[in-house]
Amino acid sequence: MNIISSSCGNDSVALIQWARENDIDDVAVTYLDTGWAAPDWQERVDKIKFWVETILCYEFVTIKSMGMEELVRMKKGFPANQYQFCTQHLKGVPFLNWIDERDPDLKSTVLVGKRRAESRARADTPEFVSNSEYHGGRTLWHPLYGHSDEERDALLGRAGFEVLPHRSQECSPCVNANRADFLLLKPEQVQRVSELEVEIGKPMFRPKRFNAMGIHGCMTWAKYGKRKMRMEPGEIESGSGCDGHYGCGL
């Protein structure tokens, strides 16, 4: 079996189209529900699910996690920019539980839409990783590792999807959010973060990173603060520690 780990963003949708065009069969597309998606992201997921099941005749599986809010309460703090326990608990553990039950003999190959051109943090992405520790010893395949943005966009066009102006919003805001990401947040998302910050007594984002305290401070910085660098929504900073083993943001 071929397992496509998808966040329903640009790269993972392009990967699904690539699989179709290259006659990859016996495919299951998995989506990890982090419980922290943008308010309208489920509409996107439903659209991808319909396309996958009805048009491509692949399987689409939604894997539930404990949810970001419960995880933060359990850890008594938010994931850090460098130490991202969110990926492990919200994506890694649920995915491994599911695939170990589905594929106990480790015969499946896991496909992830990471590309070298996607960001500086992923510039050394290999095509294959044998015996991937993050996937229970299975083979990890990055079919789009050498694809340019233009090639990725062409795949999306042939699939009938427009290019999103941001990365997947499966986790929003992400611990690696930048200025452009903050400016995409809806008021209800800001309020959700603020209430959780008050509940646990800690801010989601390190004050030194944005010279701001709490999500409301980060929003003020995003709108009016001094610009140190220009980044697109979802662009990953070098050294952020976001490795994308489970397709985070793709």
Protein backbone atom coordinates (compact mmCIF):
# COMPACT_ATOMS: atom_id res chain seq x y z
CA MET A 1 0.00 0.00 0.00
CA ASN A 2 1.08 3.59 -0.65
CA ILE A 3 0.17 6.04 2.11
CA ILE A 4 0.11 9.73 1.20
CA SER A 5 0.41 11.87 4.32
CA SER A 6 -1.52 15.01 3.45
CA SER A 7 -2.35 18.28 5.18
CA CYS A 8 -4.56 19.25 2.20
CA GLY A 9 -2.27 22.15 1.36
CA ASN A 10 -0.68 22.93 -2.02
CA ASP A 11 2.19 20.46 -1.92
CA SER A 12 0.26 17.45 -0.67
CA VAL A 13 -2.58 18.03 -3.15
CA ALA A 14 0.03 18.27 -5.92
CA LEU A 15 1.49 14.99 -4.65
CA ILE A 16 -1.89 13.28 -4.90
CA GLN A 17 -2.22 14.49 -8.51
CA TRP A 18 1.33 13.28 -9.21
CA ALA A 19 0.38 9.84 -7.90
CA ARG A 20 -2.61 9.76 -10.22
CA GLU A 21 -0.57 10.80 -13.26
CA ASN A 22 2.12 8.22 -12.49
CA ASP A 23 -0.35 5.36 -12.05
CA ILE A 24 0.41 4.82 -8.37
CA ASP A 25 -2.21 2.40 -7.15
CA ASP A 26 -3.41 1.02 -3.83
CA VAL A 27 -3.32 4.53 -2.32
CA ALA A 28 -4.68 5.77 0.99
CA VAL A 29 -4.55 9.52 1.62
CA THR A 30 -4.37 10.33 5.33
CA TYR A 31 -5.23 13.62 6.99
CA LEU A 32 -4.35 14.26 10.64
CA ASP A 33 -6.99 16.25 12.52
CA THR A 34 -5.03 18.40 14.98
CA GLY A 35 -8.08 20.13 16.43
CA TRP A 36 -6.32 23.45 15.76
CA ALA A 37 -7.27 24.20 12.16
CA ALA A 38 -8.47 27.54 10.83
CA PRO A 39 -12.28 27.94 11.08
CA ASP A 40 -12.94 27.29 7.38
CA TRP A 41 -10.21 24.71 6.78
CA GLN A 42 -12.59 21.77 7.11
CA GLU A 43 -14.33 22.97 3.94
CA ARG A 44 -11.02 22.53 2.14
CA VAL A 45 -10.53 19.06 3.66
CA ASP A 46 -14.03 18.01 2.59
CA LYS A 47 -13.34 19.21 -0.95
CA ILE A 48 -10.10 17.23 -1.14
CA LYS A 49 -11.82 14.17 0.33
CA PHE A 50 -14.55 14.29 -2.34
CA TRP A 51 -11.95 14.64 -5.11
CA VAL A 52 -9.82 11.79 -3.76
CA GLU A 53 -12.69 9.35 -3.25
CA THR A 54 -15.00 10.25 -6.13
CA ILE A 55 -12.68 11.33 -8.94
CA LEU A 56 -9.47 9.43 -8.19
CA CYS A 57 -11.06 6.42 -6.46
CA TYR A 58 -8.38 6.49 -3.75
CA GLU A 59 -9.11 6.00 -0.08
CA PHE A 60 -9.25 9.07 2.21
CA VAL A 61 -8.72 8.57 5.93
CA THR A 62 -9.08 11.21 8.65
CA ILE A 63 -7.03 10.33 11.73
CA LYS A 64 -8.09 12.01 14.95
CA SER A 65 -5.62 13.30 17.54
CA MET A 66 -6.03 14.40 21.13
CA GLY A 67 -6.26 17.98 19.90
CA MET A 68 -3.95 20.94 20.42
CA GLU A 69 -5.84 22.44 23.36
CA GLU A 70 -5.80 19.19 25.33
CA LEU A 71 -2.12 18.70 24.49
CA VAL A 72 -1.24 22.18 25.77
CA ARG A 73 -3.12 21.52 28.98
CA MET A 74 -1.35 18.18 29.41
CA LYS A 75 2.09 19.73 28.81
CA LYS A 76 1.22 22.88 30.78
CA GLY A 77 2.64 24.97 27.97
CA PHE A 78 2.73 25.55 24.23
CA PRO A 79 5.15 23.87 21.83
CA ALA A 80 8.32 25.90 21.28
CA ASN A 81 9.71 27.10 17.98
CA GLN A 82 12.61 24.66 18.42
CA TYR A 83 10.97 21.88 20.50
CA GLN A 84 7.79 21.03 18.63
CA PHE A 85 6.12 18.33 20.65
CA CYS A 86 2.91 19.17 18.80
CA THR A 87 4.11 17.29 15.72
CA GLN A 88 4.92 14.19 17.76
CA HIS A 89 1.65 14.05 19.70
CA LEU A 90 -0.83 15.47 17.19
CA LYS A 91 0.53 13.81 14.07
CA GLY A 92 3.28 11.27 14.79
CA VAL A 93 1.65 9.13 17.47
CA PRO A 94 -1.85 9.00 15.89
CA PHE A 95 -0.36 8.24 12.47
CA LEU A 96 1.83 5.43 13.80
CA ASN A 97 -1.07 3.93 15.74
CA TRP A 98 -3.15 3.90 12.58
CA ILE A 99 -0.50 2.60 10.16
CA ASP A 100 0.78 -0.08 12.57
CA GLU A 101 -2.72 -1.51 12.68
CA ARG A 102 -3.22 -1.16 8.93
CA ASP A 103 0.25 -2.34 7.92
CA PRO A 104 1.71 -4.59 10.65
CA ASP A 105 4.23 -6.15 8.24
CA LEU A 106 5.84 -2.76 7.36
CA LYS A 107 5.28 -3.25 3.64
CA SER A 108 3.73 0.16 2.95
CA THR A 109 5.57 3.15 1.52
CA VAL A 110 4.75 6.58 2.97
CA LEU A 111 4.69 9.50 0.52
CA VAL A 112 5.12 13.10 1.73
CA GLY A 113 5.04 16.23 -0.43
CA LYS A 114 8.26 17.87 0.79
CA ARG A 115 10.22 19.79 -1.85
CA ARG A 116 13.68 21.29 -1.78
CA ALA A 117 12.38 24.47 -3.39
CA GLU A 118 9.70 24.87 -0.75
CA SER A 119 11.88 26.58 1.87
CA ARG A 120 15.42 27.03 3.08
CA ALA A 121 14.69 24.64 5.94
CA ARG A 122 13.95 21.79 3.51
CA ALA A 123 16.64 22.42 0.90
CA ASP A 124 18.37 19.07 1.56
CA THR A 125 15.28 16.88 1.29
CA PRO A 126 16.23 13.46 -0.18
CA GLU A 127 14.03 11.46 -2.52
CA PHE A 128 13.98 8.38 -0.30
CA VAL A 129 14.56 7.56 3.35
CA SER A 130 14.90 3.85 4.01
CA ASN A 131 13.69 2.49 7.31
CA SER A 132 12.28 5.86 8.45
CA GLU A 133 12.21 6.03 12.23
CA TYR A 134 9.29 8.45 12.05
CA HIS A 135 7.18 5.97 10.11
CA GLY A 136 7.81 2.79 12.06
CA GLY A 137 10.66 1.55 9.89
CA ARG A 138 8.82 1.93 6.59
CA THR A 139 10.22 3.54 3.46
CA LEU A 140 9.60 7.29 3.17
CA TRP A 141 9.32 8.71 -0.35
CA HIS A 142 9.40 12.38 -1.40
CA PRO A 143 8.40 12.16 -5.10
CA LEU A 144 8.30 15.95 -5.50
CA TYR A 145 11.66 16.59 -3.85
CA GLY A 146 13.11 18.12 -7.03
CA HIS A 147 9.96 19.92 -8.23
CA SER A 148 10.01 23.68 -8.63
CA ASP A 149 7.13 25.92 -7.57
CA GLU A 150 6.08 26.13 -11.22
CA GLU A 151 6.00 22.36 -11.59
CA ARG A 152 4.02 22.04 -8.36
CA ASP A 153 1.56 24.68 -9.54
CA ALA A 154 1.10 22.89 -12.86
CA LEU A 155 0.12 19.71 -10.99
CA LEU A 156 -2.43 21.70 -8.99
CA GLY A 157 -3.84 23.19 -12.18
CA ARG A 158 -4.28 19.77 -13.77
CA ALA A 159 -6.02 18.62 -10.60
CA GLY A 160 -8.42 21.54 -10.87
CA PHE A 161 -7.25 23.42 -7.77
CA GLU A 162 -6.01 26.97 -7.47
CA VAL A 163 -2.75 27.65 -5.67
CA LEU A 164 -3.43 28.72 -2.09
CA PRO A 165 -1.62 31.96 -1.09
CA HIS A 166 -0.54 30.31 2.16
CA ARG A 167 0.51 26.95 3.56
CA SER A 168 -1.93 24.42 4.97
CA GLN A 169 -4.00 25.79 7.81
CA GLU A 170 -4.36 22.42 9.54
CA CYS A 171 -2.67 24.10 12.54
CA SER A 172 -3.48 27.78 12.81
CA PRO A 173 -1.64 29.54 14.20
CA CYS A 174 1.40 27.28 13.92
CA VAL A 175 4.21 27.64 16.46
CA ASN A 176 6.36 28.73 13.49
CA ALA A 177 3.95 31.49 12.47
CA ASN A 178 5.49 34.62 10.98
CA ARG A 179 4.12 38.11 10.40
CA ALA A 180 2.18 37.16 7.28
CA ASP A 181 0.58 34.21 9.09
CA PHE A 182 -0.58 36.40 11.99
CA LEU A 183 -2.26 38.75 9.56
CA LEU A 184 -4.34 35.85 8.20
CA LEU A 185 -5.80 34.98 11.61
CA LYS A 186 -9.49 35.57 12.19
CA PRO A 187 -10.70 37.19 15.43
CA GLU A 188 -12.05 33.90 16.76
CA GLN A 189 -8.63 32.28 16.32
CA VAL A 190 -6.91 35.07 18.23
CA GLN A 191 -9.51 34.72 20.98
CA ARG A 192 -9.01 30.94 21.14
CA VAL A 193 -5.26 31.39 21.64
CA SER A 194 -5.76 34.18 24.16
CA GLU A 195 -8.14 32.14 26.31
CA LEU A 196 -5.73 29.20 26.33
CA GLU A 197 -2.83 31.49 27.25
CA VAL A 198 -4.81 32.83 30.19
CA GLU A 199 -5.84 29.33 31.26
CA ILE A 200 -2.31 27.93 31.43
CA GLY A 201 -0.58 31.19 32.34
CA LYS A 202 1.92 31.11 29.47
CA PRO A 203 2.11 32.77 26.03
CA MET A 204 2.05 30.70 22.86
CA PHE A 205 4.97 32.56 21.29
CA ARG A 206 8.25 33.43 22.99
CA PRO A 207 8.25 37.15 23.83
CA LYS A 208 11.83 37.61 22.60
CA ARG A 209 10.99 36.25 19.17
CA PHE A 210 8.58 39.04 18.31
CA ASN A 211 9.31 41.48 21.13
CA ALA A 212 5.69 40.99 22.16
CA MET A 213 3.81 39.32 25.02
CA GLY A 214 0.81 37.08 24.25
CA ILE A 215 -1.16 36.63 21.05
CA HIS A 216 -2.61 40.15 21.21
CA GLY A 217 0.90 41.55 21.46
CA CYS A 218 1.96 39.43 18.49
CA MET A 219 -0.98 40.74 16.47
CA THR A 220 0.02 44.33 17.28
CA TRP A 221 3.61 43.55 16.27
CA ALA A 222 2.40 41.96 13.02
CA LYS A 223 0.38 45.03 12.11
CA TYR A 224 2.64 47.82 13.31
CA GLY A 225 5.99 46.43 14.47
CA LYS A 226 9.34 46.96 12.79
CA ARG A 227 9.80 44.58 9.88
CA LYS A 228 12.98 42.53 10.23
CA MET A 229 12.45 40.21 7.25
CA ARG A 230 10.00 39.66 4.45
CA MET A 231 8.37 36.24 4.50
CA GLU A 232 5.40 34.70 2.75
CA PRO A 233 2.55 33.15 4.78
CA GLY A 234 3.80 29.87 6.17
CA GLU A 235 7.41 30.28 5.03
CA ILE A 236 9.66 28.43 7.43
CA GLU A 237 12.57 30.17 9.08
CA SER A 238 15.97 28.51 8.82
CA GLY A 239 16.67 26.59 12.01
CA SER A 240 13.04 26.52 13.06
CA GLY A 241 13.23 22.76 13.55
CA CYS A 242 10.19 22.10 11.33
CA ASP A 243 11.21 18.92 9.56
CA GLY A 244 7.90 17.98 7.94
CA HIS A 245 8.19 14.24 8.53
CA TYR A 246 4.38 14.02 8.60
CA GLY A 247 3.68 16.64 5.98
CA CYS A 248 3.14 19.54 8.37
CA GLY A 249 1.89 22.56 6.46
CA LEU A 250 2.22 20.90 3.05
